[in-house]
Protein backbone atom coordinates (compact mmCIF):
# COMPACT_ATOMS: atom_id res chain seq x y z
CA UNK A 1 0.00 0.00 0.00
CA UNK A 2 1.15 3.50 -0.79
CA UNK A 3 0.19 6.46 1.38
CA UNK A 4 0.65 10.09 0.39
CA UNK A 5 0.06 12.85 2.90
CA UNK A 6 -0.82 16.48 2.40
CA UNK A 7 -2.29 19.28 4.46
CA UNK A 8 -5.31 21.36 3.57
CA UNK A 9 -5.94 24.10 6.11
CA UNK A 10 -5.99 22.44 9.52
CA UNK A 11 -6.74 19.01 8.06
CA UNK A 12 -4.25 16.29 7.25
CA UNK A 13 -5.27 14.16 4.29
CA UNK A 14 -3.94 10.66 3.75
CA UNK A 15 -4.47 9.15 0.31
CA UNK A 16 -4.24 5.37 0.33
CA UNK A 17 -3.54 3.32 -2.76
CA UNK A 18 -3.64 -0.46 -3.00
CA UNK A 19 -4.78 -2.96 -0.40
CA UNK A 20 -5.51 -2.52 3.29
CA UNK A 21 -4.89 -5.94 4.74
CA UNK A 22 -2.93 -7.71 7.45
CA UNK A 23 0.37 -6.82 5.74
CA UNK A 24 -0.32 -3.12 5.23
CA UNK A 25 -2.40 -2.27 8.28
CA UNK A 26 0.66 -1.58 10.42
CA UNK A 27 1.93 0.99 7.90
CA UNK A 28 -1.36 2.88 7.96
CA UNK A 29 -1.67 2.70 11.72
CA UNK A 30 1.87 4.04 12.21
CA UNK A 31 1.19 6.95 9.85
CA UNK A 32 -1.98 7.89 11.72
CA UNK A 33 -0.17 7.61 15.08
CA UNK A 34 2.57 9.97 13.82
CA UNK A 35 0.03 12.50 12.58
CA UNK A 36 -1.98 12.34 15.81
CA UNK A 37 1.19 13.13 17.78
CA UNK A 38 2.14 16.05 15.52
CA UNK A 39 -0.98 18.20 15.46
CA UNK A 40 -4.51 18.94 16.46
CA UNK A 41 -6.56 19.14 13.26
CA UNK A 42 -8.83 16.57 11.68
CA UNK A 43 -7.49 13.58 9.75
CA UNK A 44 -9.10 12.57 6.46
CA UNK A 45 -8.48 9.14 5.03
CA UNK A 46 -9.16 9.04 1.31
CA UNK A 47 -9.90 5.50 0.14
CA UNK A 48 -10.51 6.37 -3.52
CA UNK A 49 -7.64 4.19 -4.75
CA UNK A 50 -8.04 1.33 -2.29
CA UNK A 51 -8.82 -1.71 -4.39
CA UNK A 52 -9.20 -4.24 -1.57
CA UNK A 53 -9.80 -4.22 2.18
CA UNK A 54 -9.92 -7.23 4.49
CA UNK A 55 -11.35 -7.66 7.97
CA UNK A 56 -7.85 -6.86 9.27
CA UNK A 57 -8.03 -3.64 7.25
CA UNK A 58 -11.39 -2.77 8.79
CA UNK A 59 -9.88 -3.45 12.21
CA UNK A 60 -7.07 -1.06 11.35
CA UNK A 61 -9.58 1.67 10.50
CA UNK A 62 -11.25 1.13 13.89
CA UNK A 63 -7.85 1.41 15.61
CA UNK A 64 -7.13 4.65 13.74
CA UNK A 65 -10.52 6.02 14.76
CA UNK A 66 -9.78 5.14 18.39
CA UNK A 67 -6.38 6.86 18.24
CA UNK A 68 -8.02 10.01 16.90
CA UNK A 69 -10.83 9.99 19.44
CA UNK A 70 -8.39 9.59 22.32
CA UNK A 71 -6.58 12.68 21.03
CA UNK A 72 -9.87 14.60 20.48
CA UNK A 73 -9.31 14.64 16.73
CA UNK A 74 -11.80 14.01 13.98
CA UNK A 75 -11.22 11.06 11.68
CA UNK A 76 -13.16 11.17 8.42
CA UNK A 77 -13.26 8.50 5.72
CA UNK A 78 -13.75 9.78 2.18
CA UNK A 79 -14.27 8.41 -1.32
CA UNK A 80 -15.36 4.92 -0.30
CA UNK A 81 -15.81 2.49 -3.17
CA UNK A 82 -19.27 0.96 -3.22
CA UNK A 83 -18.03 -2.40 -1.91
CA UNK A 84 -16.26 -0.70 1.02
CA UNK A 85 -19.41 1.30 1.80
CA UNK A 86 -21.39 -1.95 1.71
CA UNK A 87 -18.91 -3.62 4.09
CA UNK A 88 -19.20 -0.66 6.44
CA UNK A 89 -23.00 -0.97 6.43
CA UNK A 90 -23.07 -4.76 6.84
CA UNK A 91 -20.69 -4.58 9.80
CA UNK A 92 -22.53 -1.50 11.13
CA UNK A 93 -19.23 0.40 11.21
CA UNK A 94 -20.91 3.16 9.22
CA UNK A 95 -22.65 4.09 12.47
CA UNK A 96 -19.37 4.90 14.25
CA UNK A 97 -17.33 6.43 11.42
CA UNK A 98 -17.74 9.87 9.97
CA UNK A 99 -17.97 9.21 6.23
CA UNK A 100 -17.99 11.82 3.48
CA UNK A 101 -18.78 11.25 -0.18
CA UNK A 102 -15.53 12.86 -1.27
CA UNK A 103 -12.66 14.98 -0.05
CA UNK A 104 -14.38 18.26 -0.92
CA UNK A 105 -17.49 17.31 1.06
CA UNK A 106 -15.35 16.27 4.02
CA UNK A 107 -13.46 19.59 4.02
CA UNK A 108 -16.74 21.52 3.78
CA UNK A 109 -18.16 19.53 6.71
CA UNK A 110 -15.05 20.20 8.76
CA UNK A 111 -15.24 23.92 8.01
CA UNK A 112 -18.93 24.00 9.02
CA UNK A 113 -18.50 21.94 12.21
CA UNK A 114 -15.03 22.54 13.62
C-alpha atoms as a PDB file:
ATOM      1  CA  UNK A   1       0.000   0.000   0.000  1.00  0.00           C
ATOM      2  CA  UNK A   2       1.149   3.502  -0.794  1.00  0.00           C
ATOM      3  CA  UNK A   3       0.192   6.462   1.379  1.00  0.00           C
ATOM      4  CA  UNK A   4       0.646  10.093   0.389  1.00  0.00           C
ATOM      5  CA  UNK A   5       0.059  12.845   2.902  1.00  0.00           C
ATOM      6  CA  UNK A   6      -0.821  16.481   2.403  1.00  0.00           C
ATOM      7  CA  UNK A   7      -2.290  19.279   4.459  1.00  0.00           C
ATOM      8  CA  UNK A   8      -5.309  21.357   3.571  1.00  0.00           C
ATOM      9  CA  UNK A   9      -5.943  24.098   6.106  1.00  0.00           C
ATOM     10  CA  UNK A  10      -5.994  22.443   9.520  1.00  0.00           C
ATOM     11  CA  UNK A  11      -6.744  19.005   8.062  1.00  0.00           C
ATOM     12  CA  UNK A  12      -4.248  16.291   7.251  1.00  0.00           C
ATOM     13  CA  UNK A  13      -5.272  14.164   4.288  1.00  0.00           C
ATOM     14  CA  UNK A  14      -3.940  10.659   3.748  1.00  0.00           C
ATOM     15  CA  UNK A  15      -4.472   9.153   0.306  1.00  0.00           C
ATOM     16  CA  UNK A  16      -4.241   5.372   0.332  1.00  0.00           C
ATOM     17  CA  UNK A  17      -3.544   3.324  -2.763  1.00  0.00           C
ATOM     18  CA  UNK A  18      -3.638  -0.457  -2.997  1.00  0.00           C
ATOM     19  CA  UNK A  19      -4.779  -2.960  -0.398  1.00  0.00           C
ATOM     20  CA  UNK A  20      -5.509  -2.517   3.293  1.00  0.00           C
ATOM     21  CA  UNK A  21      -4.895  -5.943   4.742  1.00  0.00           C
ATOM     22  CA  UNK A  22      -2.934  -7.710   7.449  1.00  0.00           C
ATOM     23  CA  UNK A  23       0.368  -6.825   5.739  1.00  0.00           C
ATOM     24  CA  UNK A  24      -0.321  -3.122   5.233  1.00  0.00           C
ATOM     25  CA  UNK A  25      -2.395  -2.266   8.281  1.00  0.00           C
ATOM     26  CA  UNK A  26       0.656  -1.580  10.417  1.00  0.00           C
ATOM     27  CA  UNK A  27       1.926   0.989   7.902  1.00  0.00           C
ATOM     28  CA  UNK A  28      -1.365   2.884   7.957  1.00  0.00           C
ATOM     29  CA  UNK A  29      -1.675   2.698  11.720  1.00  0.00           C
ATOM     30  CA  UNK A  30       1.868   4.045  12.214  1.00  0.00           C
ATOM     31  CA  UNK A  31       1.191   6.952   9.852  1.00  0.00           C
ATOM     32  CA  UNK A  32      -1.976   7.885  11.722  1.00  0.00           C
ATOM     33  CA  UNK A  33      -0.168   7.608  15.079  1.00  0.00           C
ATOM     34  CA  UNK A  34       2.567   9.965  13.822  1.00  0.00           C
ATOM     35  CA  UNK A  35       0.028  12.504  12.576  1.00  0.00           C
ATOM     36  CA  UNK A  36      -1.975  12.339  15.808  1.00  0.00           C
ATOM     37  CA  UNK A  37       1.194  13.127  17.783  1.00  0.00           C
ATOM     38  CA  UNK A  38       2.138  16.049  15.520  1.00  0.00           C
ATOM     39  CA  UNK A  39      -0.975  18.198  15.456  1.00  0.00           C
ATOM     40  CA  UNK A  40      -4.514  18.940  16.461  1.00  0.00           C
ATOM     41  CA  UNK A  41      -6.557  19.140  13.261  1.00  0.00           C
ATOM     42  CA  UNK A  42      -8.827  16.571  11.676  1.00  0.00           C
ATOM     43  CA  UNK A  43      -7.495  13.584   9.749  1.00  0.00           C
ATOM     44  CA  UNK A  44      -9.100  12.568   6.462  1.00  0.00           C
ATOM     45  CA  UNK A  45      -8.477   9.142   5.033  1.00  0.00           C
ATOM     46  CA  UNK A  46      -9.158   9.038   1.307  1.00  0.00           C
ATOM     47  CA  UNK A  47      -9.902   5.502   0.137  1.00  0.00           C
ATOM     48  CA  UNK A  48     -10.511   6.365  -3.516  1.00  0.00           C
ATOM     49  CA  UNK A  49      -7.639   4.187  -4.752  1.00  0.00           C
ATOM     50  CA  UNK A  50      -8.042   1.330  -2.293  1.00  0.00           C
ATOM     51  CA  UNK A  51      -8.824  -1.712  -4.386  1.00  0.00           C
ATOM     52  CA  UNK A  52      -9.202  -4.242  -1.567  1.00  0.00           C
ATOM     53  CA  UNK A  53      -9.800  -4.224   2.175  1.00  0.00           C
ATOM     54  CA  UNK A  54      -9.923  -7.227   4.490  1.00  0.00           C
ATOM     55  CA  UNK A  55     -11.354  -7.657   7.969  1.00  0.00           C
ATOM     56  CA  UNK A  56      -7.851  -6.861   9.274  1.00  0.00           C
ATOM     57  CA  UNK A  57      -8.025  -3.642   7.255  1.00  0.00           C
ATOM     58  CA  UNK A  58     -11.391  -2.770   8.794  1.00  0.00           C
ATOM     59  CA  UNK A  59      -9.884  -3.447  12.211  1.00  0.00           C
ATOM     60  CA  UNK A  60      -7.066  -1.063  11.350  1.00  0.00           C
ATOM     61  CA  UNK A  61      -9.584   1.665  10.505  1.00  0.00           C
ATOM     62  CA  UNK A  62     -11.252   1.132  13.888  1.00  0.00           C
ATOM     63  CA  UNK A  63      -7.851   1.405  15.607  1.00  0.00           C
ATOM     64  CA  UNK A  64      -7.129   4.645  13.737  1.00  0.00           C
ATOM     65  CA  UNK A  65     -10.522   6.023  14.763  1.00  0.00           C
ATOM     66  CA  UNK A  66      -9.778   5.141  18.388  1.00  0.00           C
ATOM     67  CA  UNK A  67      -6.381   6.865  18.241  1.00  0.00           C
ATOM     68  CA  UNK A  68      -8.017  10.012  16.902  1.00  0.00           C
ATOM     69  CA  UNK A  69     -10.830   9.994  19.442  1.00  0.00           C
ATOM     70  CA  UNK A  70      -8.388   9.586  22.316  1.00  0.00           C
ATOM     71  CA  UNK A  71      -6.577  12.685  21.028  1.00  0.00           C
ATOM     72  CA  UNK A  72      -9.866  14.600  20.482  1.00  0.00           C
ATOM     73  CA  UNK A  73      -9.312  14.643  16.728  1.00  0.00           C
ATOM     74  CA  UNK A  74     -11.804  14.005  13.979  1.00  0.00           C
ATOM     75  CA  UNK A  75     -11.224  11.055  11.677  1.00  0.00           C
ATOM     76  CA  UNK A  76     -13.163  11.170   8.422  1.00  0.00           C
ATOM     77  CA  UNK A  77     -13.263   8.504   5.724  1.00  0.00           C
ATOM     78  CA  UNK A  78     -13.750   9.783   2.178  1.00  0.00           C
ATOM     79  CA  UNK A  79     -14.268   8.408  -1.317  1.00  0.00           C
ATOM     80  CA  UNK A  80     -15.357   4.916  -0.300  1.00  0.00           C
ATOM     81  CA  UNK A  81     -15.807   2.487  -3.166  1.00  0.00           C
ATOM     82  CA  UNK A  82     -19.275   0.962  -3.216  1.00  0.00           C
ATOM     83  CA  UNK A  83     -18.028  -2.402  -1.914  1.00  0.00           C
ATOM     84  CA  UNK A  84     -16.256  -0.701   1.024  1.00  0.00           C
ATOM     85  CA  UNK A  85     -19.412   1.299   1.802  1.00  0.00           C
ATOM     86  CA  UNK A  86     -21.392  -1.948   1.706  1.00  0.00           C
ATOM     87  CA  UNK A  87     -18.912  -3.624   4.087  1.00  0.00           C
ATOM     88  CA  UNK A  88     -19.198  -0.661   6.445  1.00  0.00           C
ATOM     89  CA  UNK A  89     -22.997  -0.967   6.434  1.00  0.00           C
ATOM     90  CA  UNK A  90     -23.069  -4.759   6.838  1.00  0.00           C
ATOM     91  CA  UNK A  91     -20.689  -4.581   9.795  1.00  0.00           C
ATOM     92  CA  UNK A  92     -22.526  -1.504  11.128  1.00  0.00           C
ATOM     93  CA  UNK A  93     -19.234   0.397  11.209  1.00  0.00           C
ATOM     94  CA  UNK A  94     -20.909   3.159   9.219  1.00  0.00           C
ATOM     95  CA  UNK A  95     -22.655   4.092  12.474  1.00  0.00           C
ATOM     96  CA  UNK A  96     -19.374   4.895  14.251  1.00  0.00           C
ATOM     97  CA  UNK A  97     -17.329   6.426  11.421  1.00  0.00           C
ATOM     98  CA  UNK A  98     -17.742   9.873   9.970  1.00  0.00           C
ATOM     99  CA  UNK A  99     -17.968   9.213   6.228  1.00  0.00           C
ATOM    100  CA  UNK A 100     -17.988  11.822   3.476  1.00  0.00           C
ATOM    101  CA  UNK A 101     -18.784  11.251  -0.177  1.00  0.00           C
ATOM    102  CA  UNK A 102     -15.527  12.859  -1.272  1.00  0.00           C
ATOM    103  CA  UNK A 103     -12.659  14.979  -0.046  1.00  0.00           C
ATOM    104  CA  UNK A 104     -14.377  18.259  -0.924  1.00  0.00           C
ATOM    105  CA  UNK A 105     -17.494  17.309   1.055  1.00  0.00           C
ATOM    106  CA  UNK A 106     -15.346  16.275   4.022  1.00  0.00           C
ATOM    107  CA  UNK A 107     -13.461  19.590   4.021  1.00  0.00           C
ATOM    108  CA  UNK A 108     -16.740  21.517   3.783  1.00  0.00           C
ATOM    109  CA  UNK A 109     -18.157  19.531   6.708  1.00  0.00           C
ATOM    110  CA  UNK A 110     -15.045  20.196   8.760  1.00  0.00           C
ATOM    111  CA  UNK A 111     -15.238  23.921   8.011  1.00  0.00           C
ATOM    112  CA  UNK A 112     -18.925  23.997   9.019  1.00  0.00           C
ATOM    113  CA  UNK A 113     -18.498  21.944  12.208  1.00  0.00           C
ATOM    114  CA  UNK A 114     -15.030  22.542  13.619  1.00  0.00           C
END
